[in-house]
Amino acid sequence: MTTVYESSIDQSITDVLAVLRTYADEVDRDARFPTESVDALRDAGLLGVGIPREFGGGGATLTDIARISRALGAECASTAMIFVMHQSQVLSIVRHGKSDAMADLQRRIVTDRILVASATT
């Protein structure tokens, strides 16, 4: 059974995948950052999908995030890698960031559509 949340995410993914299909060959050929794809992730609210709903995020499970990642990877490996690396940082903040500052950061990731990276990326 599909929940309302899953239906909403599925539509968002469908919209994002159309953008990925448009630019994936160019991103690979020119070895460039997939700006259009990351913008599509932002516009669809998928950067905040791993943030708990109490902070305005999608409250996605790890399984949900893996499903999204797989769909992205089937169209553009670069975008999928960026999404996965972002979500790994987000999930670290969610799991280990229990201070008020980290709660505020989670809200900002959702409202400001921040792409989170780490020093290793």
N, C-alpha and C. Protein backbone atom coordinates (compact mmCIF):
# COMPACT_ATOMS: atom_id res chain seq x y z
N MET A 1 0.83 -1.18 0.00
CA MET A 1 0.00 0.00 0.00
C MET A 1 0.88 1.25 0.00
N THR A 2 0.60 2.19 -0.88
CA THR A 2 1.36 3.42 -0.99
C THR A 2 0.74 4.49 -0.11
N THR A 3 1.57 5.14 0.68
CA THR A 3 1.08 6.22 1.54
C THR A 3 1.05 7.52 0.75
N VAL A 4 0.38 8.55 1.30
CA VAL A 4 0.35 9.87 0.67
C VAL A 4 1.77 10.39 0.53
N TYR A 5 2.59 10.18 1.57
CA TYR A 5 3.98 10.62 1.54
C TYR A 5 4.72 9.97 0.38
N GLU A 6 4.58 8.66 0.23
CA GLU A 6 5.27 7.94 -0.85
C GLU A 6 4.80 8.44 -2.21
N SER A 7 3.51 8.71 -2.36
CA SER A 7 2.99 9.22 -3.63
C SER A 7 3.59 10.57 -3.95
N SER A 8 3.70 11.43 -2.95
CA SER A 8 4.29 12.75 -3.14
C SER A 8 5.75 12.63 -3.53
N ILE A 9 6.49 11.78 -2.86
CA ILE A 9 7.90 11.57 -3.18
C ILE A 9 8.03 10.97 -4.58
N ASP A 10 7.18 10.01 -4.91
CA ASP A 10 7.24 9.40 -6.24
C ASP A 10 7.05 10.45 -7.34
N GLN A 11 6.11 11.39 -7.15
CA GLN A 11 5.90 12.44 -8.15
C GLN A 11 7.12 13.36 -8.21
N SER A 12 7.68 13.69 -7.05
CA SER A 12 8.88 14.52 -7.02
C SER A 12 10.03 13.85 -7.76
N ILE A 13 10.20 12.56 -7.52
CA ILE A 13 11.27 11.82 -8.19
C ILE A 13 11.04 11.81 -9.70
N THR A 14 9.82 11.59 -10.12
CA THR A 14 9.49 11.58 -11.55
C THR A 14 9.89 12.90 -12.20
N ASP A 15 9.57 14.01 -11.54
CA ASP A 15 9.91 15.32 -12.07
C ASP A 15 11.43 15.52 -12.13
N VAL A 16 12.13 15.09 -11.08
CA VAL A 16 13.59 15.22 -11.03
C VAL A 16 14.24 14.35 -12.09
N LEU A 17 13.75 13.13 -12.26
CA LEU A 17 14.35 12.22 -13.24
C LEU A 17 14.28 12.78 -14.66
N ALA A 18 13.24 13.53 -14.96
CA ALA A 18 13.14 14.15 -16.28
C ALA A 18 14.29 15.13 -16.49
N VAL A 19 14.65 15.87 -15.45
CA VAL A 19 15.78 16.80 -15.55
C VAL A 19 17.08 16.02 -15.70
N LEU A 20 17.26 14.98 -14.91
CA LEU A 20 18.48 14.18 -14.99
C LEU A 20 18.67 13.63 -16.40
N ARG A 21 17.60 13.12 -16.99
CA ARG A 21 17.69 12.56 -18.34
C ARG A 21 18.14 13.61 -19.35
N THR A 22 17.72 14.83 -19.15
CA THR A 22 18.06 15.91 -20.07
C THR A 22 19.55 16.25 -20.02
N TYR A 23 20.16 16.20 -18.85
CA TYR A 23 21.53 16.70 -18.68
C TYR A 23 22.59 15.64 -18.40
N ALA A 24 22.22 14.41 -18.15
CA ALA A 24 23.20 13.39 -17.73
C ALA A 24 24.33 13.20 -18.74
N ASP A 25 24.02 13.11 -20.01
CA ASP A 25 25.06 12.91 -21.02
C ASP A 25 26.04 14.09 -21.03
N GLU A 26 25.50 15.28 -20.96
CA GLU A 26 26.34 16.48 -20.95
C GLU A 26 27.21 16.53 -19.69
N VAL A 27 26.64 16.20 -18.55
CA VAL A 27 27.39 16.18 -17.29
C VAL A 27 28.56 15.21 -17.40
N ASP A 28 28.30 14.02 -17.93
CA ASP A 28 29.37 13.03 -18.09
C ASP A 28 30.40 13.47 -19.13
N ARG A 29 29.93 13.91 -20.28
CA ARG A 29 30.83 14.29 -21.37
C ARG A 29 31.74 15.44 -20.97
N ASP A 30 31.18 16.44 -20.28
CA ASP A 30 31.94 17.63 -19.92
C ASP A 30 32.56 17.55 -18.52
N ALA A 31 32.33 16.42 -17.84
CA ALA A 31 32.86 16.22 -16.49
C ALA A 31 32.57 17.43 -15.61
N ARG A 32 31.30 17.80 -15.57
CA ARG A 32 30.91 18.99 -14.82
C ARG A 32 29.91 18.66 -13.72
N PHE A 33 29.78 19.58 -12.78
CA PHE A 33 28.82 19.44 -11.71
C PHE A 33 27.41 19.50 -12.30
N PRO A 34 26.52 18.61 -11.86
CA PRO A 34 25.16 18.57 -12.41
C PRO A 34 24.25 19.63 -11.78
N THR A 35 24.55 20.88 -12.06
CA THR A 35 23.83 22.01 -11.46
C THR A 35 22.32 21.90 -11.62
N GLU A 36 21.89 21.60 -12.84
CA GLU A 36 20.45 21.53 -13.11
C GLU A 36 19.78 20.43 -12.28
N SER A 37 20.47 19.32 -12.13
CA SER A 37 19.93 18.19 -11.37
C SER A 37 19.85 18.51 -9.89
N VAL A 38 20.88 19.14 -9.36
CA VAL A 38 20.86 19.52 -7.94
C VAL A 38 19.78 20.57 -7.70
N ASP A 39 19.63 21.49 -8.64
CA ASP A 39 18.54 22.47 -8.53
C ASP A 39 17.18 21.77 -8.53
N ALA A 40 17.05 20.73 -9.35
CA ALA A 40 15.79 19.97 -9.38
C ALA A 40 15.55 19.26 -8.05
N LEU A 41 16.61 18.70 -7.47
CA LEU A 41 16.48 18.09 -6.14
C LEU A 41 16.03 19.12 -5.12
N ARG A 42 16.62 20.31 -5.18
CA ARG A 42 16.23 21.40 -4.28
C ARG A 42 14.75 21.76 -4.48
N ASP A 43 14.38 22.00 -5.74
CA ASP A 43 13.01 22.42 -6.04
C ASP A 43 11.97 21.39 -5.61
N ALA A 44 12.35 20.12 -5.68
CA ALA A 44 11.43 19.04 -5.31
C ALA A 44 11.41 18.77 -3.80
N GLY A 45 12.28 19.45 -3.07
CA GLY A 45 12.33 19.25 -1.62
C GLY A 45 13.05 17.98 -1.21
N LEU A 46 13.78 17.38 -2.13
CA LEU A 46 14.41 16.09 -1.83
C LEU A 46 15.70 16.22 -1.00
N LEU A 47 16.27 17.42 -0.92
CA LEU A 47 17.45 17.57 -0.06
C LEU A 47 17.06 17.43 1.41
N GLY A 48 15.83 17.76 1.74
CA GLY A 48 15.36 17.66 3.12
C GLY A 48 14.59 16.39 3.42
N VAL A 49 14.60 15.45 2.50
CA VAL A 49 13.78 14.25 2.67
C VAL A 49 14.19 13.42 3.89
N GLY A 50 15.46 13.44 4.28
CA GLY A 50 15.93 12.64 5.41
C GLY A 50 15.78 13.33 6.76
N ILE A 51 15.36 14.58 6.75
CA ILE A 51 15.15 15.34 7.98
C ILE A 51 13.80 14.93 8.57
N PRO A 52 13.74 14.73 9.90
CA PRO A 52 12.46 14.38 10.52
C PRO A 52 11.37 15.43 10.25
N ARG A 53 10.16 14.98 10.19
CA ARG A 53 9.02 15.87 9.92
C ARG A 53 8.90 16.97 10.97
N GLU A 54 9.29 16.68 12.19
CA GLU A 54 9.18 17.69 13.26
C GLU A 54 10.03 18.92 12.96
N PHE A 55 11.02 18.78 12.07
CA PHE A 55 11.86 19.91 11.67
C PHE A 55 11.53 20.38 10.25
N GLY A 56 10.43 19.88 9.70
CA GLY A 56 9.97 20.31 8.39
C GLY A 56 10.40 19.42 7.24
N GLY A 57 11.15 18.36 7.53
CA GLY A 57 11.64 17.47 6.49
C GLY A 57 10.63 16.42 6.09
N GLY A 58 11.09 15.52 5.26
CA GLY A 58 10.22 14.48 4.75
C GLY A 58 10.08 13.26 5.64
N GLY A 59 10.98 13.12 6.62
CA GLY A 59 10.90 11.99 7.53
C GLY A 59 11.16 10.65 6.84
N ALA A 60 11.92 10.67 5.76
CA ALA A 60 12.18 9.45 5.01
C ALA A 60 13.02 8.46 5.80
N THR A 61 12.76 7.21 5.57
CA THR A 61 13.57 6.14 6.18
C THR A 61 14.80 5.92 5.31
N LEU A 62 15.72 5.15 5.84
CA LEU A 62 16.90 4.79 5.05
C LEU A 62 16.49 4.02 3.79
N THR A 63 15.48 3.19 3.91
CA THR A 63 14.96 2.46 2.74
C THR A 63 14.42 3.43 1.70
N ASP A 64 13.68 4.46 2.14
CA ASP A 64 13.17 5.48 1.21
C ASP A 64 14.33 6.17 0.49
N ILE A 65 15.35 6.54 1.25
CA ILE A 65 16.50 7.24 0.68
C ILE A 65 17.23 6.33 -0.30
N ALA A 66 17.35 5.06 0.02
CA ALA A 66 17.99 4.12 -0.90
C ALA A 66 17.19 3.97 -2.18
N ARG A 67 15.88 3.95 -2.07
CA ARG A 67 15.01 3.84 -3.25
C ARG A 67 15.17 5.07 -4.14
N ILE A 68 15.21 6.24 -3.54
CA ILE A 68 15.40 7.47 -4.30
C ILE A 68 16.78 7.45 -4.96
N SER A 69 17.79 7.06 -4.21
CA SER A 69 19.16 7.02 -4.73
C SER A 69 19.28 6.09 -5.93
N ARG A 70 18.64 4.96 -5.82
CA ARG A 70 18.68 4.00 -6.93
C ARG A 70 18.04 4.58 -8.19
N ALA A 71 16.90 5.24 -8.01
CA ALA A 71 16.23 5.86 -9.16
C ALA A 71 17.11 6.95 -9.78
N LEU A 72 17.73 7.76 -8.95
CA LEU A 72 18.62 8.81 -9.45
C LEU A 72 19.81 8.20 -10.18
N GLY A 73 20.40 7.16 -9.58
CA GLY A 73 21.57 6.53 -10.17
C GLY A 73 21.31 5.88 -11.51
N ALA A 74 20.09 5.45 -11.75
CA ALA A 74 19.75 4.85 -13.03
C ALA A 74 19.77 5.89 -14.15
N GLU A 75 19.67 7.16 -13.79
CA GLU A 75 19.66 8.23 -14.80
C GLU A 75 20.95 9.03 -14.84
N CYS A 76 21.54 9.30 -13.66
CA CYS A 76 22.75 10.12 -13.61
C CYS A 76 23.55 9.75 -12.36
N ALA A 77 24.64 9.04 -12.56
CA ALA A 77 25.45 8.59 -11.43
C ALA A 77 26.01 9.75 -10.63
N SER A 78 26.36 10.84 -11.29
CA SER A 78 26.90 12.00 -10.58
C SER A 78 25.88 12.58 -9.61
N THR A 79 24.67 12.74 -10.07
CA THR A 79 23.61 13.28 -9.21
C THR A 79 23.31 12.34 -8.06
N ALA A 80 23.26 11.06 -8.34
CA ALA A 80 23.01 10.08 -7.28
C ALA A 80 24.10 10.13 -6.22
N MET A 81 25.35 10.23 -6.65
CA MET A 81 26.46 10.29 -5.70
C MET A 81 26.35 11.53 -4.82
N ILE A 82 26.03 12.66 -5.42
CA ILE A 82 25.87 13.90 -4.66
C ILE A 82 24.73 13.75 -3.66
N PHE A 83 23.61 13.19 -4.10
CA PHE A 83 22.46 13.00 -3.23
C PHE A 83 22.81 12.08 -2.06
N VAL A 84 23.48 10.97 -2.35
CA VAL A 84 23.83 10.01 -1.30
C VAL A 84 24.81 10.62 -0.31
N MET A 85 25.81 11.33 -0.81
CA MET A 85 26.78 11.95 0.09
C MET A 85 26.10 13.01 0.96
N HIS A 86 25.20 13.77 0.37
CA HIS A 86 24.42 14.77 1.12
C HIS A 86 23.60 14.08 2.21
N GLN A 87 22.88 13.03 1.81
CA GLN A 87 22.02 12.34 2.78
C GLN A 87 22.84 11.68 3.89
N SER A 88 24.04 11.21 3.58
CA SER A 88 24.86 10.61 4.65
C SER A 88 25.22 11.66 5.69
N GLN A 89 25.49 12.87 5.25
CA GLN A 89 25.78 13.95 6.19
C GLN A 89 24.52 14.36 6.96
N VAL A 90 23.40 14.44 6.25
CA VAL A 90 22.13 14.78 6.90
C VAL A 90 21.78 13.74 7.95
N LEU A 91 21.90 12.46 7.60
CA LEU A 91 21.56 11.41 8.57
C LEU A 91 22.49 11.44 9.78
N SER A 92 23.73 11.84 9.58
CA SER A 92 24.65 11.99 10.71
C SER A 92 24.19 13.13 11.62
N ILE A 93 23.77 14.22 11.03
CA ILE A 93 23.25 15.35 11.81
C ILE A 93 22.00 14.93 12.57
N VAL A 94 21.10 14.24 11.88
CA VAL A 94 19.84 13.79 12.50
C VAL A 94 20.12 12.86 13.67
N ARG A 95 21.01 11.90 13.45
CA ARG A 95 21.26 10.88 14.46
C ARG A 95 22.06 11.42 15.65
N HIS A 96 23.06 12.25 15.37
CA HIS A 96 23.99 12.64 16.43
C HIS A 96 23.83 14.09 16.88
N GLY A 97 23.13 14.90 16.14
CA GLY A 97 22.98 16.31 16.49
C GLY A 97 21.75 16.56 17.32
N LYS A 98 21.88 16.45 18.61
CA LYS A 98 20.73 16.56 19.50
C LYS A 98 20.61 17.92 20.18
N SER A 99 21.46 18.87 19.81
CA SER A 99 21.41 20.19 20.43
C SER A 99 20.40 21.08 19.71
N ASP A 100 20.10 22.21 20.34
CA ASP A 100 19.21 23.19 19.71
C ASP A 100 19.80 23.70 18.41
N ALA A 101 21.13 23.88 18.39
CA ALA A 101 21.80 24.35 17.17
C ALA A 101 21.62 23.35 16.04
N MET A 102 21.70 22.07 16.35
CA MET A 102 21.53 21.05 15.30
C MET A 102 20.07 20.97 14.85
N ALA A 103 19.14 21.21 15.76
CA ALA A 103 17.73 21.27 15.37
C ALA A 103 17.51 22.44 14.42
N ASP A 104 18.13 23.57 14.72
CA ASP A 104 18.03 24.73 13.84
C ASP A 104 18.67 24.44 12.48
N LEU A 105 19.80 23.74 12.48
CA LEU A 105 20.45 23.38 11.23
C LEU A 105 19.54 22.49 10.39
N GLN A 106 18.87 21.54 11.02
CA GLN A 106 17.96 20.67 10.28
C GLN A 106 16.84 21.49 9.64
N ARG A 107 16.31 22.44 10.38
CA ARG A 107 15.27 23.31 9.82
C ARG A 107 15.81 24.12 8.64
N ARG A 108 17.04 24.60 8.77
CA ARG A 108 17.65 25.39 7.69
C ARG A 108 17.91 24.54 6.46
N ILE A 109 18.31 23.31 6.65
CA ILE A 109 18.53 22.42 5.49
C ILE A 109 17.25 22.31 4.67
N VAL A 110 16.13 22.23 5.38
CA VAL A 110 14.83 22.12 4.69
C VAL A 110 14.42 23.47 4.08
N THR A 111 14.40 24.52 4.89
CA THR A 111 13.86 25.79 4.40
C THR A 111 14.77 26.49 3.40
N ASP A 112 16.08 26.41 3.62
CA ASP A 112 17.03 27.07 2.73
C ASP A 112 17.53 26.15 1.62
N ARG A 113 17.07 24.88 1.67
CA ARG A 113 17.41 23.88 0.65
C ARG A 113 18.92 23.74 0.49
N ILE A 114 19.59 23.63 1.65
CA ILE A 114 21.05 23.56 1.69
C ILE A 114 21.55 22.20 1.24
N LEU A 115 22.58 22.21 0.41
CA LEU A 115 23.29 20.99 0.03
C LEU A 115 24.45 20.84 1.02
N VAL A 116 24.46 19.75 1.77
CA VAL A 116 25.46 19.52 2.79
C VAL A 116 26.57 18.61 2.23
N ALA A 117 27.80 18.99 2.50
CA ALA A 117 28.94 18.20 2.06
C ALA A 117 29.86 17.99 3.26
N SER A 118 30.87 17.20 3.08
CA SER A 118 31.86 17.00 4.14
C SER A 118 33.24 17.33 3.59
N ALA A 119 34.19 17.44 4.47
CA ALA A 119 35.56 17.75 4.05
C ALA A 119 36.12 16.67 3.13
N THR A 120 35.61 15.46 3.24
CA THR A 120 36.11 14.38 2.40
C THR A 120 35.51 14.39 1.00
N THR A 121 34.50 15.23 0.77
CA THR A 121 33.90 15.30 -0.57
C THR A 121 34.47 16.46 -1.34
